[in-house]
N, C-alpha and C. Protein backbone atom coordinates (compact mmCIF):
# COMPACT_ATOMS: atom_id res chain seq x y z
N UNK A 1 81.53 -221.49 -116.14
CA UNK A 1 80.34 -221.18 -116.88
C UNK A 1 80.56 -221.52 -118.36
N UNK A 2 79.57 -222.09 -118.91
CA UNK A 2 79.66 -222.44 -120.32
C UNK A 2 78.87 -221.42 -121.14
N UNK A 3 79.01 -221.54 -122.43
CA UNK A 3 78.28 -220.66 -123.34
C UNK A 3 76.78 -220.77 -123.12
N UNK A 4 76.30 -221.98 -122.93
CA UNK A 4 74.86 -222.17 -122.74
C UNK A 4 74.36 -221.50 -121.46
N UNK A 5 75.17 -221.55 -120.40
CA UNK A 5 74.78 -220.88 -119.16
C UNK A 5 74.70 -219.36 -119.35
N UNK A 6 75.69 -218.80 -120.02
CA UNK A 6 75.69 -217.36 -120.26
C UNK A 6 74.54 -216.96 -121.18
N UNK A 7 74.27 -217.77 -122.15
CA UNK A 7 73.16 -217.48 -123.07
C UNK A 7 71.83 -217.54 -122.33
N UNK A 8 71.66 -218.51 -121.46
CA UNK A 8 70.43 -218.63 -120.69
C UNK A 8 70.26 -217.42 -119.77
N UNK A 9 71.35 -216.98 -119.13
CA UNK A 9 71.28 -215.80 -118.27
C UNK A 9 70.90 -214.56 -119.07
N UNK A 10 71.52 -214.38 -120.22
CA UNK A 10 71.23 -213.21 -121.05
C UNK A 10 69.79 -213.24 -121.55
N UNK A 11 69.30 -214.39 -121.89
CA UNK A 11 67.92 -214.50 -122.37
C UNK A 11 66.91 -214.25 -121.27
N UNK A 12 67.24 -214.63 -120.05
CA UNK A 12 66.25 -214.52 -118.98
C UNK A 12 66.40 -213.23 -118.17
N UNK A 13 67.59 -212.93 -117.68
CA UNK A 13 67.76 -211.81 -116.77
C UNK A 13 68.56 -210.65 -117.36
N UNK A 14 69.28 -210.88 -118.42
CA UNK A 14 70.11 -209.83 -118.99
C UNK A 14 69.30 -208.62 -119.44
N UNK A 15 68.18 -208.86 -120.10
CA UNK A 15 67.34 -207.76 -120.55
C UNK A 15 66.73 -207.01 -119.38
N UNK A 16 66.35 -207.72 -118.35
CA UNK A 16 65.77 -207.08 -117.17
C UNK A 16 66.82 -206.18 -116.50
N UNK A 17 68.03 -206.68 -116.36
CA UNK A 17 69.10 -205.90 -115.74
C UNK A 17 69.40 -204.66 -116.58
N UNK A 18 69.50 -204.80 -117.89
CA UNK A 18 69.77 -203.66 -118.75
C UNK A 18 68.64 -202.63 -118.68
N UNK A 19 67.40 -203.08 -118.61
CA UNK A 19 66.27 -202.16 -118.52
C UNK A 19 66.29 -201.39 -117.19
N UNK A 20 66.60 -202.07 -116.11
CA UNK A 20 66.67 -201.40 -114.80
C UNK A 20 67.80 -200.38 -114.78
N UNK A 21 68.96 -200.74 -115.31
CA UNK A 21 70.09 -199.81 -115.36
C UNK A 21 69.72 -198.61 -116.24
N UNK A 22 69.07 -198.83 -117.35
CA UNK A 22 68.64 -197.75 -118.23
C UNK A 22 67.70 -196.80 -117.50
N UNK A 23 66.73 -197.33 -116.80
CA UNK A 23 65.77 -196.49 -116.08
C UNK A 23 66.44 -195.69 -114.97
N UNK A 24 67.40 -196.30 -114.29
CA UNK A 24 68.14 -195.59 -113.24
C UNK A 24 68.94 -194.45 -113.85
N UNK A 25 69.60 -194.72 -114.98
CA UNK A 25 70.41 -193.68 -115.61
C UNK A 25 69.54 -192.54 -116.16
N UNK A 26 68.34 -192.83 -116.59
CA UNK A 26 67.43 -191.79 -117.06
C UNK A 26 66.89 -190.99 -115.87
N UNK A 27 66.57 -191.65 -114.78
CA UNK A 27 65.96 -190.98 -113.64
C UNK A 27 66.97 -190.18 -112.80
N UNK A 28 68.25 -190.54 -112.86
CA UNK A 28 69.26 -189.91 -111.99
C UNK A 28 69.31 -188.39 -112.18
N UNK A 29 69.42 -187.85 -113.38
CA UNK A 29 69.48 -186.39 -113.50
C UNK A 29 68.14 -185.70 -113.25
N UNK A 30 67.05 -186.44 -113.22
CA UNK A 30 65.73 -185.85 -113.02
C UNK A 30 65.31 -185.80 -111.56
N UNK A 31 66.14 -186.28 -110.67
CA UNK A 31 65.78 -186.27 -109.25
C UNK A 31 65.78 -184.84 -108.74
N UNK A 32 65.00 -184.59 -107.73
CA UNK A 32 64.81 -183.24 -107.22
C UNK A 32 66.07 -182.60 -106.68
N UNK A 33 66.93 -183.36 -106.04
CA UNK A 33 68.13 -182.78 -105.44
C UNK A 33 69.16 -182.34 -106.47
N UNK A 34 69.00 -182.73 -107.73
CA UNK A 34 69.95 -182.34 -108.77
C UNK A 34 69.46 -181.14 -109.57
N UNK A 35 68.34 -180.57 -109.19
CA UNK A 35 67.75 -179.49 -109.98
C UNK A 35 68.69 -178.28 -110.09
N UNK A 36 69.25 -177.83 -108.97
CA UNK A 36 70.12 -176.66 -109.00
C UNK A 36 71.41 -176.95 -109.78
N UNK A 37 71.97 -178.12 -109.61
CA UNK A 37 73.17 -178.48 -110.35
C UNK A 37 72.91 -178.52 -111.85
N UNK A 38 71.76 -179.04 -112.25
CA UNK A 38 71.40 -179.07 -113.67
C UNK A 38 71.20 -177.65 -114.21
N UNK A 39 70.56 -176.79 -113.43
CA UNK A 39 70.35 -175.40 -113.86
C UNK A 39 71.69 -174.68 -114.00
N UNK A 40 72.61 -174.90 -113.06
CA UNK A 40 73.93 -174.29 -113.15
C UNK A 40 74.68 -174.77 -114.39
N UNK A 41 74.60 -176.04 -114.68
CA UNK A 41 75.28 -176.58 -115.86
C UNK A 41 74.68 -176.03 -117.14
N UNK A 42 73.37 -175.85 -117.17
CA UNK A 42 72.72 -175.34 -118.37
C UNK A 42 73.08 -173.88 -118.62
N UNK A 43 73.28 -173.11 -117.57
CA UNK A 43 73.58 -171.69 -117.71
C UNK A 43 75.07 -171.37 -117.69
N UNK A 44 75.91 -172.37 -117.56
CA UNK A 44 77.35 -172.16 -117.46
C UNK A 44 77.91 -171.44 -118.70
N UNK A 45 77.37 -171.72 -119.86
CA UNK A 45 77.91 -171.12 -121.07
C UNK A 45 77.63 -169.62 -121.14
N UNK A 46 76.71 -169.11 -120.34
CA UNK A 46 76.36 -167.69 -120.36
C UNK A 46 77.08 -166.88 -119.27
N UNK A 47 77.89 -167.50 -118.45
CA UNK A 47 78.52 -166.81 -117.32
C UNK A 47 79.41 -165.66 -117.75
N UNK A 48 80.23 -165.88 -118.75
CA UNK A 48 81.18 -164.86 -119.18
C UNK A 48 80.68 -164.08 -120.39
N UNK A 49 79.38 -164.06 -120.59
CA UNK A 49 78.79 -163.35 -121.72
C UNK A 49 78.84 -161.85 -121.47
N UNK A 50 79.52 -161.10 -122.33
CA UNK A 50 79.65 -159.67 -122.17
C UNK A 50 78.49 -158.89 -122.79
N UNK A 51 77.69 -159.54 -123.61
CA UNK A 51 76.62 -158.84 -124.32
C UNK A 51 75.29 -158.92 -123.61
N UNK A 52 75.19 -159.60 -122.52
CA UNK A 52 73.89 -159.76 -121.90
C UNK A 52 73.89 -159.35 -120.52
């Protein structure tokens, strides 16, 4: 592969691939099956709280 081939790929499909990966990474924690795991992680800092 030459520089021109890589540049052509980045100009045409590179942005599309990065956008798809970005959307997948954003949607992954928002899926329904991760709801309880996310809630547990959010409340983890309060587990050993002696004042509440």
